[in-house]
Amino acid sequence: MRIVVALGGNALGNTPKEQLELVKHTSTCIAELVSQKHEVVIVHGNGPQVGMIQTAFDEAGQSNGNVPLMPLPECGAMSQGYIGYHLQNGIKNALEERKLIRDVATVVTQTLVDENDEAFETPTKPIGAFHSKTEAEEISRATGLPFVEDSGRGYRAVVASPKPLDIVEKNSIRQLLKNETIVIAAGGGGIPVVRTKTGLKGIPAVIDKDRSSAVLAQIIDADAFVILTAVDQVALDFGKPTERKIPKMSTAEAKAYIEEGHFAKGSMLPKVEAAIDFVSGKPEAKAVIAALEDAAEAVRGEKGTVVHYE
């Protein structure tokens, strides 16, 4: 079975040291899927990491004028390499412990978006460090990024979160899978690019990782799309005394729950929407939202919340 696995923030860390420790557990879960003869593509988030990279360059630039501001697409690319290295290392070690010989490769991935996406009209995604108003104005002049006051702690740059349309490196990913390689791709949702008269161009934006994962899963004809997160199942009335978990739901039921406002925008909503996107129109496809440690059981439909087409 070909599986696209979307890793939530609980699978990674906020610092290199913390991430190395957390990735050991994550890698064990991925290795278990490989041991069951599955083809695996991994997509990871990069929120804390890309923010850390950008903040480091911002602060270095403030203290040393010779250090240039680093554009967001380049920060995203750096985060893909940094996180990909940790995952490659951890998964390879976990496989060797099981006497499994597989290559693991990270593909620095570009994700195509529409330059006319309405999200660009009202950027809302805060990124990077907090700045004073004067600093924010200087950085805005240098980069073109808009800044907003955030929670009374200072000014932060805001970028758009456009919808992913295509994965530029899809053919490379397909070839790696043919060679039985475990692939890490579309990290952080991919580096956002738009098509221009002179070719592809990176833009300052943040693409939702779960939505990009669903697009990638569709493109490579995955059999299953597994979103691994911090909870074992999707729940209605989450965190309330009336909370109830859902082991299985159709796309029609999921859409109704969304209309009723059951899923938070910053957490479960994009996961449920991505699951709907992947299975829509495909009765044989399966999407599962589950806890990281339940990955193998989730693929078998024994744990997590299964989303199916109806």
C-alpha atoms as a PDB file:
ATOM      1  CA  MET A   1       0.000   0.000   0.000  1.00  0.00           C
ATOM      2  CA  ARG A   2       1.236   3.490  -0.877  1.00  0.00           C
ATOM      3  CA  ILE A   3       0.774   5.845   2.074  1.00  0.00           C
ATOM      4  CA  VAL A   4       1.293   9.577   2.531  1.00  0.00           C
ATOM      5  CA  VAL A   5       1.929  10.386   6.191  1.00  0.00           C
ATOM      6  CA  ALA A   6       1.461  13.960   7.415  1.00  0.00           C
ATOM      7  CA  LEU A   7       3.374  14.538  10.646  1.00  0.00           C
ATOM      8  CA  GLY A   8       1.991  17.004  13.177  1.00  0.00           C
ATOM      9  CA  GLY A   9       4.055  19.304  15.373  1.00  0.00           C
ATOM     10  CA  ASN A  10       4.189  16.711  18.163  1.00  0.00           C
ATOM     11  CA  ALA A  11       6.462  14.621  15.959  1.00  0.00           C
ATOM     12  CA  LEU A  12       9.182  17.296  15.894  1.00  0.00           C
ATOM     13  CA  GLY A  13      10.834  19.697  18.314  1.00  0.00           C
ATOM     14  CA  ASN A  14      11.373  23.416  18.706  1.00  0.00           C
ATOM     15  CA  THR A  15      15.167  23.132  19.006  1.00  0.00           C
ATOM     16  CA  PRO A  16      17.719  20.850  17.296  1.00  0.00           C
ATOM     17  CA  LYS A  17      18.361  18.941  20.531  1.00  0.00           C
ATOM     18  CA  GLU A  18      14.676  18.478  21.318  1.00  0.00           C
ATOM     19  CA  GLN A  19      13.933  17.481  17.741  1.00  0.00           C
ATOM     20  CA  LEU A  20      16.624  14.781  17.673  1.00  0.00           C
ATOM     21  CA  GLU A  21      15.002  13.127  20.676  1.00  0.00           C
ATOM     22  CA  LEU A  22      11.435  13.373  19.410  1.00  0.00           C
ATOM     23  CA  VAL A  23      12.402  12.132  15.946  1.00  0.00           C
ATOM     24  CA  LYS A  24      13.601   8.845  17.447  1.00  0.00           C
ATOM     25  CA  HIS A  25      10.027   7.997  18.449  1.00  0.00           C
ATOM     26  CA  THR A  26       8.629   9.334  15.186  1.00  0.00           C
ATOM     27  CA  SER A  27      11.101   7.252  13.189  1.00  0.00           C
ATOM     28  CA  THR A  28      10.134   4.098  15.061  1.00  0.00           C
ATOM     29  CA  CYS A  29       6.502   4.637  14.027  1.00  0.00           C
ATOM     30  CA  ILE A  30       7.488   5.181  10.393  1.00  0.00           C
ATOM     31  CA  ALA A  31       9.787   2.142  10.387  1.00  0.00           C
ATOM     32  CA  GLU A  32       6.892   0.012  11.610  1.00  0.00           C
ATOM     33  CA  LEU A  33       4.893   1.008   8.524  1.00  0.00           C
ATOM     34  CA  VAL A  34       7.824   0.141   6.262  1.00  0.00           C
ATOM     35  CA  SER A  35       8.229  -3.244   7.966  1.00  0.00           C
ATOM     36  CA  GLN A  36       4.641  -3.986   6.919  1.00  0.00           C
ATOM     37  CA  LYS A  37       5.660  -3.608   3.246  1.00  0.00           C
ATOM     38  CA  HIS A  38       4.107  -0.175   2.723  1.00  0.00           C
ATOM     39  CA  GLU A  39       5.509   2.517   0.431  1.00  0.00           C
ATOM     40  CA  VAL A  40       5.805   5.651   2.543  1.00  0.00           C
ATOM     41  CA  VAL A  41       5.978   9.360   1.750  1.00  0.00           C
ATOM     42  CA  ILE A  42       6.352  11.700   4.724  1.00  0.00           C
ATOM     43  CA  VAL A  43       5.259  15.332   4.903  1.00  0.00           C
ATOM     44  CA  HIS A  44       6.176  17.353   7.995  1.00  0.00           C
ATOM     45  CA  GLY A  45       5.303  20.744   9.423  1.00  0.00           C
ATOM     46  CA  ASN A  46       7.925  23.455   9.919  1.00  0.00           C
ATOM     47  CA  GLY A  47       6.243  26.258  11.865  1.00  0.00           C
ATOM     48  CA  PRO A  48       8.651  26.565  14.805  1.00  0.00           C
ATOM     49  CA  GLN A  49      11.687  25.725  12.692  1.00  0.00           C
ATOM     50  CA  VAL A  50      11.131  28.219   9.883  1.00  0.00           C
ATOM     51  CA  GLY A  51      10.353  30.890  12.476  1.00  0.00           C
ATOM     52  CA  MET A  52      13.594  30.069  14.298  1.00  0.00           C
ATOM     53  CA  ILE A  53      15.604  30.346  11.079  1.00  0.00           C
ATOM     54  CA  GLN A  54      14.052  33.640  10.063  1.00  0.00           C
ATOM     55  CA  THR A  55      14.421  35.097  13.561  1.00  0.00           C
ATOM     56  CA  ALA A  56      18.106  34.154  13.614  1.00  0.00           C
ATOM     57  CA  PHE A  57      18.733  36.047  10.365  1.00  0.00           C
ATOM     58  CA  ASP A  58      16.597  38.999  11.498  1.00  0.00           C
ATOM     59  CA  GLU A  59      18.503  39.346  14.775  1.00  0.00           C
ATOM     60  CA  ALA A  60      21.863  38.843  13.096  1.00  0.00           C
ATOM     61  CA  GLY A  61      20.983  41.541  10.592  1.00  0.00           C
ATOM     62  CA  GLN A  62      20.059  43.976  13.363  1.00  0.00           C
ATOM     63  CA  SER A  63      23.375  43.447  15.167  1.00  0.00           C
ATOM     64  CA  ASN A  64      25.520  43.124  12.054  1.00  0.00           C
ATOM     65  CA  GLY A  65      24.598  45.030   8.933  1.00  0.00           C
ATOM     66  CA  ASN A  66      26.610  42.595   6.801  1.00  0.00           C
ATOM     67  CA  VAL A  67      24.090  39.802   7.399  1.00  0.00           C
ATOM     68  CA  PRO A  68      21.265  40.083   4.846  1.00  0.00           C
ATOM     69  CA  LEU A  69      17.601  39.509   5.602  1.00  0.00           C
ATOM     70  CA  MET A  70      16.666  36.014   4.491  1.00  0.00           C
ATOM     71  CA  PRO A  71      13.506  35.733   2.334  1.00  0.00           C
ATOM     72  CA  LEU A  72      10.818  33.361   3.543  1.00  0.00           C
ATOM     73  CA  PRO A  73      11.082  30.894   0.605  1.00  0.00           C
ATOM     74  CA  GLU A  74      14.779  30.418   1.397  1.00  0.00           C
ATOM     75  CA  CYS A  75      13.990  29.965   5.110  1.00  0.00           C
ATOM     76  CA  GLY A  76      11.455  27.305   4.133  1.00  0.00           C
ATOM     77  CA  ALA A  77      14.036  25.528   2.004  1.00  0.00           C
ATOM     78  CA  MET A  78      16.524  25.573   4.899  1.00  0.00           C
ATOM     79  CA  SER A  79      13.918  24.088   7.221  1.00  0.00           C
ATOM     80  CA  GLN A  80      13.200  21.279   4.748  1.00  0.00           C
ATOM     81  CA  GLY A  81      16.869  20.349   4.713  1.00  0.00           C
ATOM     82  CA  TYR A  82      17.322  20.616   8.481  1.00  0.00           C
ATOM     83  CA  ILE A  83      14.215  18.605   9.387  1.00  0.00           C
ATOM     84  CA  GLY A  84      14.744  16.193   6.504  1.00  0.00           C
ATOM     85  CA  TYR A  85      18.240  15.388   7.758  1.00  0.00           C
ATOM     86  CA  HIS A  86      16.917  14.531  11.223  1.00  0.00           C
ATOM     87  CA  LEU A  87      14.142  12.357   9.813  1.00  0.00           C
ATOM     88  CA  GLN A  88      16.466  10.610   7.353  1.00  0.00           C
ATOM     89  CA  ASN A  89      18.914   9.863  10.131  1.00  0.00           C
ATOM     90  CA  GLY A  90      16.277   8.633  12.572  1.00  0.00           C
ATOM     91  CA  ILE A  91      14.344   6.511  10.074  1.00  0.00           C
ATOM     92  CA  LYS A  92      17.516   4.933   8.685  1.00  0.00           C
ATOM     93  CA  ASN A  93      18.628   3.965  12.191  1.00  0.00           C
ATOM     94  CA  ALA A  94      15.186   2.588  13.058  1.00  0.00           C
ATOM     95  CA  LEU A  95      15.171   0.504   9.867  1.00  0.00           C
ATOM     96  CA  GLU A  96      18.631  -0.890  10.510  1.00  0.00           C
ATOM     97  CA  GLU A  97      17.520  -1.974  13.973  1.00  0.00           C
ATOM     98  CA  ARG A  98      14.877  -4.065  12.189  1.00  0.00           C
ATOM     99  CA  LYS A  99      17.421  -5.395   9.675  1.00  0.00           C
ATOM    100  CA  LEU A 100      15.601  -3.548   6.866  1.00  0.00           C
ATOM    101  CA  ILE A 101      17.616  -2.085   4.016  1.00  0.00           C
ATOM    102  CA  ARG A 102      15.924   0.974   2.497  1.00  0.00           C
ATOM    103  CA  ASP A 103      17.123   4.316   1.220  1.00  0.00           C
ATOM    104  CA  VAL A 104      15.616   7.455   2.742  1.00  0.00           C
ATOM    105  CA  ALA A 105      15.712  10.721   0.795  1.00  0.00           C
ATOM    106  CA  THR A 106      14.519  14.276   1.310  1.00  0.00           C
ATOM    107  CA  VAL A 107      13.234  16.199  -1.706  1.00  0.00           C
ATOM    108  CA  VAL A 108      13.415  19.969  -1.367  1.00  0.00           C
ATOM    109  CA  THR A 109       9.927  20.590  -2.687  1.00  0.00           C
ATOM    110  CA  GLN A 110       8.213  23.514  -4.389  1.00  0.00           C
ATOM    111  CA  THR A 111       4.430  23.795  -4.263  1.00  0.00           C
ATOM    112  CA  LEU A 112       2.645  25.690  -7.005  1.00  0.00           C
ATOM    113  CA  VAL A 113       0.021  28.240  -5.957  1.00  0.00           C
ATOM    114  CA  ASP A 114      -2.092  30.751  -7.869  1.00  0.00           C
ATOM    115  CA  GLU A 115      -0.698  34.277  -7.677  1.00  0.00           C
ATOM    116  CA  ASN A 116      -4.323  35.481  -7.839  1.00  0.00           C
ATOM    117  CA  ASP A 117      -5.404  33.404  -4.853  1.00  0.00           C
ATOM    118  CA  GLU A 118      -7.674  35.563  -2.702  1.00  0.00           C
ATOM    119  CA  ALA A 119      -5.491  34.773   0.324  1.00  0.00           C
ATOM    120  CA  PHE A 120      -2.915  37.246  -1.022  1.00  0.00           C
ATOM    121  CA  GLU A 121      -5.410  40.078  -0.657  1.00  0.00           C
ATOM    122  CA  THR A 122      -5.510  39.730   3.128  1.00  0.00           C
ATOM    123  CA  PRO A 123      -2.345  38.096   4.541  1.00  0.00           C
ATOM    124  CA  THR A 124      -3.105  36.803   8.032  1.00  0.00           C
ATOM    125  CA  LYS A 125      -0.388  34.278   8.953  1.00  0.00           C
ATOM    126  CA  PRO A 126       2.129  35.784  11.469  1.00  0.00           C
ATOM    127  CA  ILE A 127       5.711  34.620  11.033  1.00  0.00           C
ATOM    128  CA  GLY A 128       9.129  35.302  12.516  1.00  0.00           C
ATOM    129  CA  ALA A 129      10.206  37.464  15.430  1.00  0.00           C
ATOM    130  CA  PHE A 130       8.505  40.379  17.188  1.00  0.00           C
ATOM    131  CA  HIS A 131       9.836  43.826  16.293  1.00  0.00           C
ATOM    132  CA  SER A 132       9.380  47.404  17.355  1.00  0.00           C
ATOM    133  CA  LYS A 133       7.331  49.608  15.041  1.00  0.00           C
ATOM    134  CA  THR A 134      10.480  51.265  13.688  1.00  0.00           C
ATOM    135  CA  GLU A 135      12.197  47.918  13.021  1.00  0.00           C
ATOM    136  CA  ALA A 136       9.055  46.567  11.382  1.00  0.00           C
ATOM    137  CA  GLU A 137       8.854  49.551   9.045  1.00  0.00           C
ATOM    138  CA  GLU A 138      12.512  49.134   8.044  1.00  0.00           C
ATOM    139  CA  ILE A 139      12.122  45.411   7.358  1.00  0.00           C
ATOM    140  CA  SER A 140       8.902  46.019   5.466  1.00  0.00           C
ATOM    141  CA  ARG A 141      10.652  48.510   3.189  1.00  0.00           C
ATOM    142  CA  ALA A 142      13.462  46.020   2.566  1.00  0.00           C
ATOM    143  CA  THR A 143      11.318  42.931   2.000  1.00  0.00           C
ATOM    144  CA  GLY A 144       7.882  44.179   0.995  1.00  0.00           C
ATOM    145  CA  LEU A 145       6.272  42.140   3.766  1.00  0.00           C
ATOM    146  CA  PRO A 146       3.364  43.742   5.649  1.00  0.00           C
ATOM    147  CA  PHE A 147       3.546  43.865   9.460  1.00  0.00           C
ATOM    148  CA  VAL A 148       0.795  43.862  12.084  1.00  0.00           C
ATOM    149  CA  GLU A 149       0.749  44.382  15.847  1.00  0.00           C
ATOM    150  CA  ASP A 150       0.464  40.968  17.476  1.00  0.00           C
ATOM    151  CA  SER A 151      -0.967  40.359  20.968  1.00  0.00           C
ATOM    152  CA  GLY A 152       0.594  43.493  22.458  1.00  0.00           C
ATOM    153  CA  ARG A 153       4.090  42.006  22.132  1.00  0.00           C
ATOM    154  CA  GLY A 154       5.266  43.925  19.097  1.00  0.00           C
ATOM    155  CA  TYR A 155       4.978  43.783  15.322  1.00  0.00           C
ATOM    156  CA  ARG A 156       5.297  40.630  13.217  1.00  0.00           C
ATOM    157  CA  ALA A 157       5.312  40.059   9.487  1.00  0.00           C
ATOM    158  CA  VAL A 158       2.181  38.476   8.059  1.00  0.00           C
ATOM    159  CA  VAL A 159       1.955  36.386   4.910  1.00  0.00           C
ATOM    160  CA  ALA A 160      -0.789  34.725   2.911  1.00  0.00           C
ATOM    161  CA  SER A 161      -1.736  31.048   3.128  1.00  0.00           C
ATOM    162  CA  PRO A 162      -2.808  30.176  -0.441  1.00  0.00           C
ATOM    163  CA  LYS A 163      -4.231  26.843  -1.563  1.00  0.00           C
ATOM    164  CA  PRO A 164      -1.734  24.328  -3.000  1.00  0.00           C
ATOM    165  CA  LEU A 165      -2.366  23.420  -6.635  1.00  0.00           C
ATOM    166  CA  ASP A 166       0.491  21.150  -7.676  1.00  0.00           C
ATOM    167  CA  ILE A 167       3.760  19.631  -6.454  1.00  0.00           C
ATOM    168  CA  VAL A 168       6.581  20.668  -8.779  1.00  0.00           C
ATOM    169  CA  GLU A 169       8.880  17.736  -7.921  1.00  0.00           C
ATOM    170  CA  LYS A 170       6.143  15.070  -8.245  1.00  0.00           C
ATOM    171  CA  ASN A 171       7.963  13.091 -10.938  1.00  0.00           C
ATOM    172  CA  SER A 172      11.126  12.864  -8.839  1.00  0.00           C
ATOM    173  CA  ILE A 173       9.036  11.612  -5.917  1.00  0.00           C
ATOM    174  CA  ARG A 174       7.419   8.980  -8.136  1.00  0.00           C
ATOM    175  CA  GLN A 175      10.828   7.766  -9.353  1.00  0.00           C
ATOM    176  CA  LEU A 176      12.157   7.473  -5.824  1.00  0.00           C
ATOM    177  CA  LEU A 177       9.126   5.392  -4.829  1.00  0.00           C
ATOM    178  CA  LYS A 178       9.707   3.087  -7.795  1.00  0.00           C
ATOM    179  CA  ASN A 179      13.184   2.486  -6.375  1.00  0.00           C
ATOM    180  CA  GLU A 180      11.710   1.561  -2.960  1.00  0.00           C
ATOM    181  CA  THR A 181      12.975   4.765  -1.365  1.00  0.00           C
ATOM    182  CA  ILE A 182      11.209   6.267   1.645  1.00  0.00           C
ATOM    183  CA  VAL A 183      10.568   9.868   0.627  1.00  0.00           C
ATOM    184  CA  ILE A 184      10.366  13.007   2.754  1.00  0.00           C
ATOM    185  CA  ALA A 185       8.751  15.744   0.682  1.00  0.00           C
ATOM    186  CA  ALA A 186       6.686  18.950   0.713  1.00  0.00           C
ATOM    187  CA  GLY A 187       8.049  19.887   4.133  1.00  0.00           C
ATOM    188  CA  GLY A 188       6.088  22.713   5.721  1.00  0.00           C
ATOM    189  CA  GLY A 189       3.591  22.435   2.881  1.00  0.00           C
ATOM    190  CA  GLY A 190       6.323  23.063   0.321  1.00  0.00           C
ATOM    191  CA  ILE A 191       8.071  26.237  -0.802  1.00  0.00           C
ATOM    192  CA  PRO A 192       5.327  28.387  -2.361  1.00  0.00           C
ATOM    193  CA  VAL A 193       6.015  29.269  -6.001  1.00  0.00           C
ATOM    194  CA  VAL A 194       3.987  30.962  -8.720  1.00  0.00           C
ATOM    195  CA  ARG A 195       4.370  30.546 -12.457  1.00  0.00           C
ATOM    196  CA  THR A 196       5.598  33.651 -14.283  1.00  0.00           C
ATOM    197  CA  LYS A 197       6.596  34.414 -17.884  1.00  0.00           C
ATOM    198  CA  THR A 198      10.207  33.653 -16.976  1.00  0.00           C
ATOM    199  CA  GLY A 199       9.507  30.511 -14.921  1.00  0.00           C
ATOM    200  CA  LEU A 200       8.713  29.588 -11.347  1.00  0.00           C
ATOM    201  CA  LYS A 201       9.232  32.229  -8.664  1.00  0.00           C
ATOM    202  CA  GLY A 202       9.271  31.766  -4.890  1.00  0.00           C
ATOM    203  CA  ILE A 203       6.924  33.989  -2.900  1.00  0.00           C
ATOM    204  CA  PRO A 204       6.602  34.835   0.814  1.00  0.00           C
ATOM    205  CA  ALA A 205       3.669  32.684   1.923  1.00  0.00           C
ATOM    206  CA  VAL A 206       2.888  29.705   4.133  1.00  0.00           C
ATOM    207  CA  ILE A 207       0.983  26.716   2.740  1.00  0.00           C
ATOM    208  CA  ASP A 208      -0.987  24.487   5.073  1.00  0.00           C
ATOM    209  CA  LYS A 209       0.962  21.246   5.454  1.00  0.00           C
ATOM    210  CA  ASP A 210      -2.113  19.014   5.609  1.00  0.00           C
ATOM    211  CA  ARG A 211      -3.594  20.486   2.436  1.00  0.00           C
ATOM    212  CA  SER A 212      -0.308  20.030   0.554  1.00  0.00           C
ATOM    213  CA  SER A 213      -0.124  16.458   1.861  1.00  0.00           C
ATOM    214  CA  ALA A 214      -3.579  15.732   0.435  1.00  0.00           C
ATOM    215  CA  VAL A 215      -2.605  17.194  -2.940  1.00  0.00           C
ATOM    216  CA  LEU A 216       0.580  15.125  -3.004  1.00  0.00           C
ATOM    217  CA  ALA A 217      -1.333  11.979  -2.003  1.00  0.00           C
ATOM    218  CA  GLN A 218      -3.753  12.526  -4.888  1.00  0.00           C
ATOM    219  CA  ILE A 219      -0.982  13.199  -7.407  1.00  0.00           C
ATOM    220  CA  ILE A 220       1.008  10.040  -6.609  1.00  0.00           C
ATOM    221  CA  ASP A 221      -2.118   7.852  -6.383  1.00  0.00           C
ATOM    222  CA  ALA A 222      -1.690   6.997  -2.723  1.00  0.00           C
ATOM    223  CA  ASP A 223      -3.966   4.318  -1.308  1.00  0.00           C
ATOM    224  CA  ALA A 224      -4.129   5.935   2.098  1.00  0.00           C
ATOM    225  CA  PHE A 225      -3.567   9.367   3.616  1.00  0.00           C
ATOM    226  CA  VAL A 226      -2.668   9.312   7.303  1.00  0.00           C
ATOM    227  CA  ILE A 227      -2.571  12.499   9.376  1.00  0.00           C
ATOM    228  CA  LEU A 228      -0.683  11.891  12.614  1.00  0.00           C
ATOM    229  CA  THR A 229      -1.302  14.369  15.385  1.00  0.00           C
ATOM    230  CA  ALA A 230      -1.473  14.735  19.179  1.00  0.00           C
ATOM    231  CA  VAL A 231      -4.950  13.221  19.661  1.00  0.00           C
ATOM    232  CA  ASP A 232      -6.083   9.645  19.069  1.00  0.00           C
ATOM    233  CA  GLN A 233      -9.354  10.540  17.327  1.00  0.00           C
ATOM    234  CA  VAL A 234     -11.315  13.479  15.990  1.00  0.00           C
ATOM    235  CA  ALA A 235     -13.834  14.686  18.562  1.00  0.00           C
ATOM    236  CA  LEU A 236     -16.993  16.766  18.623  1.00  0.00           C
ATOM    237  CA  ASP A 237     -17.266  19.384  21.381  1.00  0.00           C
ATOM    238  CA  PHE A 238     -13.529  18.976  21.951  1.00  0.00           C
ATOM    239  CA  GLY A 239     -12.456  19.861  25.493  1.00  0.00           C
ATOM    240  CA  LYS A 240     -16.013  20.162  26.760  1.00  0.00           C
ATOM    241  CA  PRO A 241     -17.906  17.862  29.162  1.00  0.00           C
ATOM    242  CA  THR A 242     -19.980  16.769  26.147  1.00  0.00           C
ATOM    243  CA  GLU A 243     -16.893  15.731  24.127  1.00  0.00           C
ATOM    244  CA  ARG A 244     -17.439  12.612  22.037  1.00  0.00           C
ATOM    245  CA  LYS A 245     -14.931  10.903  19.774  1.00  0.00           C
ATOM    246  CA  ILE A 246     -15.669   9.811  16.234  1.00  0.00           C
ATOM    247  CA  PRO A 247     -14.142   6.517  15.023  1.00  0.00           C
ATOM    248  CA  LYS A 248     -15.542   6.915  11.512  1.00  0.00           C
ATOM    249  CA  MET A 249     -17.231   9.624   9.448  1.00  0.00           C
ATOM    250  CA  SER A 250     -18.259  10.135   5.840  1.00  0.00           C
ATOM    251  CA  THR A 251     -17.339  13.219   3.854  1.00  0.00           C
ATOM    252  CA  ALA A 252     -20.963  14.362   4.127  1.00  0.00           C
ATOM    253  CA  GLU A 253     -20.889  14.001   7.919  1.00  0.00           C
ATOM    254  CA  ALA A 254     -17.518  15.758   8.136  1.00  0.00           C
ATOM    255  CA  LYS A 255     -18.819  18.707   6.114  1.00  0.00           C
ATOM    256  CA  ALA A 256     -21.851  18.947   8.376  1.00  0.00           C
ATOM    257  CA  TYR A 257     -19.623  18.971  11.470  1.00  0.00           C
ATOM    258  CA  ILE A 258     -17.556  21.758   9.895  1.00  0.00           C
ATOM    259  CA  GLU A 259     -20.707  23.793   9.251  1.00  0.00           C
ATOM    260  CA  GLU A 260     -21.643  23.334  12.903  1.00  0.00           C
ATOM    261  CA  GLY A 261     -18.259  24.772  13.943  1.00  0.00           C
ATOM    262  CA  HIS A 262     -16.893  21.701  15.710  1.00  0.00           C
ATOM    263  CA  PHE A 263     -13.287  21.987  14.480  1.00  0.00           C
ATOM    264  CA  ALA A 264     -10.852  24.769  15.392  1.00  0.00           C
ATOM    265  CA  LYS A 265      -9.309  26.683  12.476  1.00  0.00           C
ATOM    266  CA  GLY A 266      -5.756  26.448  13.737  1.00  0.00           C
ATOM    267  CA  SER A 267      -5.758  22.750  14.578  1.00  0.00           C
ATOM    268  CA  MET A 268      -8.317  20.128  13.553  1.00  0.00           C
ATOM    269  CA  LEU A 269     -10.186  21.986  10.789  1.00  0.00           C
ATOM    270  CA  PRO A 270      -7.409  21.854   8.137  1.00  0.00           C
ATOM    271  CA  LYS A 271      -6.838  18.172   8.928  1.00  0.00           C
ATOM    272  CA  VAL A 272     -10.482  17.263   8.407  1.00  0.00           C
ATOM    273  CA  GLU A 273     -10.648  19.399   5.255  1.00  0.00           C
ATOM    274  CA  ALA A 274      -7.517  17.723   3.872  1.00  0.00           C
ATOM    275  CA  ALA A 275      -8.974  14.271   4.582  1.00  0.00           C
ATOM    276  CA  ILE A 276     -12.169  15.256   2.750  1.00  0.00           C
ATOM    277  CA  ASP A 277     -10.159  16.526  -0.240  1.00  0.00           C
ATOM    278  CA  PHE A 278      -8.221  13.269  -0.524  1.00  0.00           C
ATOM    279  CA  VAL A 279     -11.157  10.821  -0.422  1.00  0.00           C
ATOM    280  CA  SER A 280     -13.754  12.891  -2.304  1.00  0.00           C
ATOM    281  CA  GLY A 281     -14.967  10.993  -5.367  1.00  0.00           C
ATOM    282  CA  LYS A 282     -12.866   7.935  -4.485  1.00  0.00           C
ATOM    283  CA  PRO A 283     -14.852   5.248  -2.606  1.00  0.00           C
ATOM    284  CA  GLU A 284     -11.759   3.039  -2.379  1.00  0.00           C
ATOM    285  CA  ALA A 285      -9.534   5.702  -0.790  1.00  0.00           C
ATOM    286  CA  LYS A 286      -8.984   6.009   2.944  1.00  0.00           C
ATOM    287  CA  ALA A 287      -7.949   8.942   5.098  1.00  0.00           C
ATOM    288  CA  VAL A 288      -7.204   8.526   8.797  1.00  0.00           C
ATOM    289  CA  ILE A 289      -6.547  11.091  11.522  1.00  0.00           C
ATOM    290  CA  ALA A 290      -4.785   9.451  14.465  1.00  0.00           C
ATOM    291  CA  ALA A 291      -2.130   9.732  17.141  1.00  0.00           C
ATOM    292  CA  LEU A 292       1.497   9.304  16.121  1.00  0.00           C
ATOM    293  CA  GLU A 293       1.996   6.149  18.185  1.00  0.00           C
ATOM    294  CA  ASP A 294      -1.073   4.563  16.548  1.00  0.00           C
ATOM    295  CA  ALA A 295       0.238   4.909  12.981  1.00  0.00           C
ATOM    296  CA  ALA A 296       0.381   1.212  12.114  1.00  0.00           C
ATOM    297  CA  GLU A 297      -3.056   0.469  13.585  1.00  0.00           C
ATOM    298  CA  ALA A 298      -4.497   3.555  11.906  1.00  0.00           C
ATOM    299  CA  VAL A 299      -3.421   2.289   8.483  1.00  0.00           C
ATOM    300  CA  ARG A 300      -5.326  -0.927   9.194  1.00  0.00           C
ATOM    301  CA  GLY A 301      -8.369   1.091  10.261  1.00  0.00           C
ATOM    302  CA  GLU A 302      -8.143  -0.142  13.847  1.00  0.00           C
ATOM    303  CA  LYS A 303      -7.453   3.229  15.488  1.00  0.00           C
ATOM    304  CA  GLY A 304      -7.957   6.896  14.787  1.00  0.00           C
ATOM    305  CA  THR A 305     -10.814   8.464  12.852  1.00  0.00           C
ATOM    306  CA  VAL A 306     -11.396   7.050   9.376  1.00  0.00           C
ATOM    307  CA  VAL A 307     -12.809   9.470   6.796  1.00  0.00           C
ATOM    308  CA  HIS A 308     -14.463   7.863   3.764  1.00  0.00           C
ATOM    309  CA  TYR A 309     -16.276   9.150   0.703  1.00  0.00           C
ATOM    310  CA  GLU A 310     -20.056   9.358   0.602  1.00  0.00           C
END
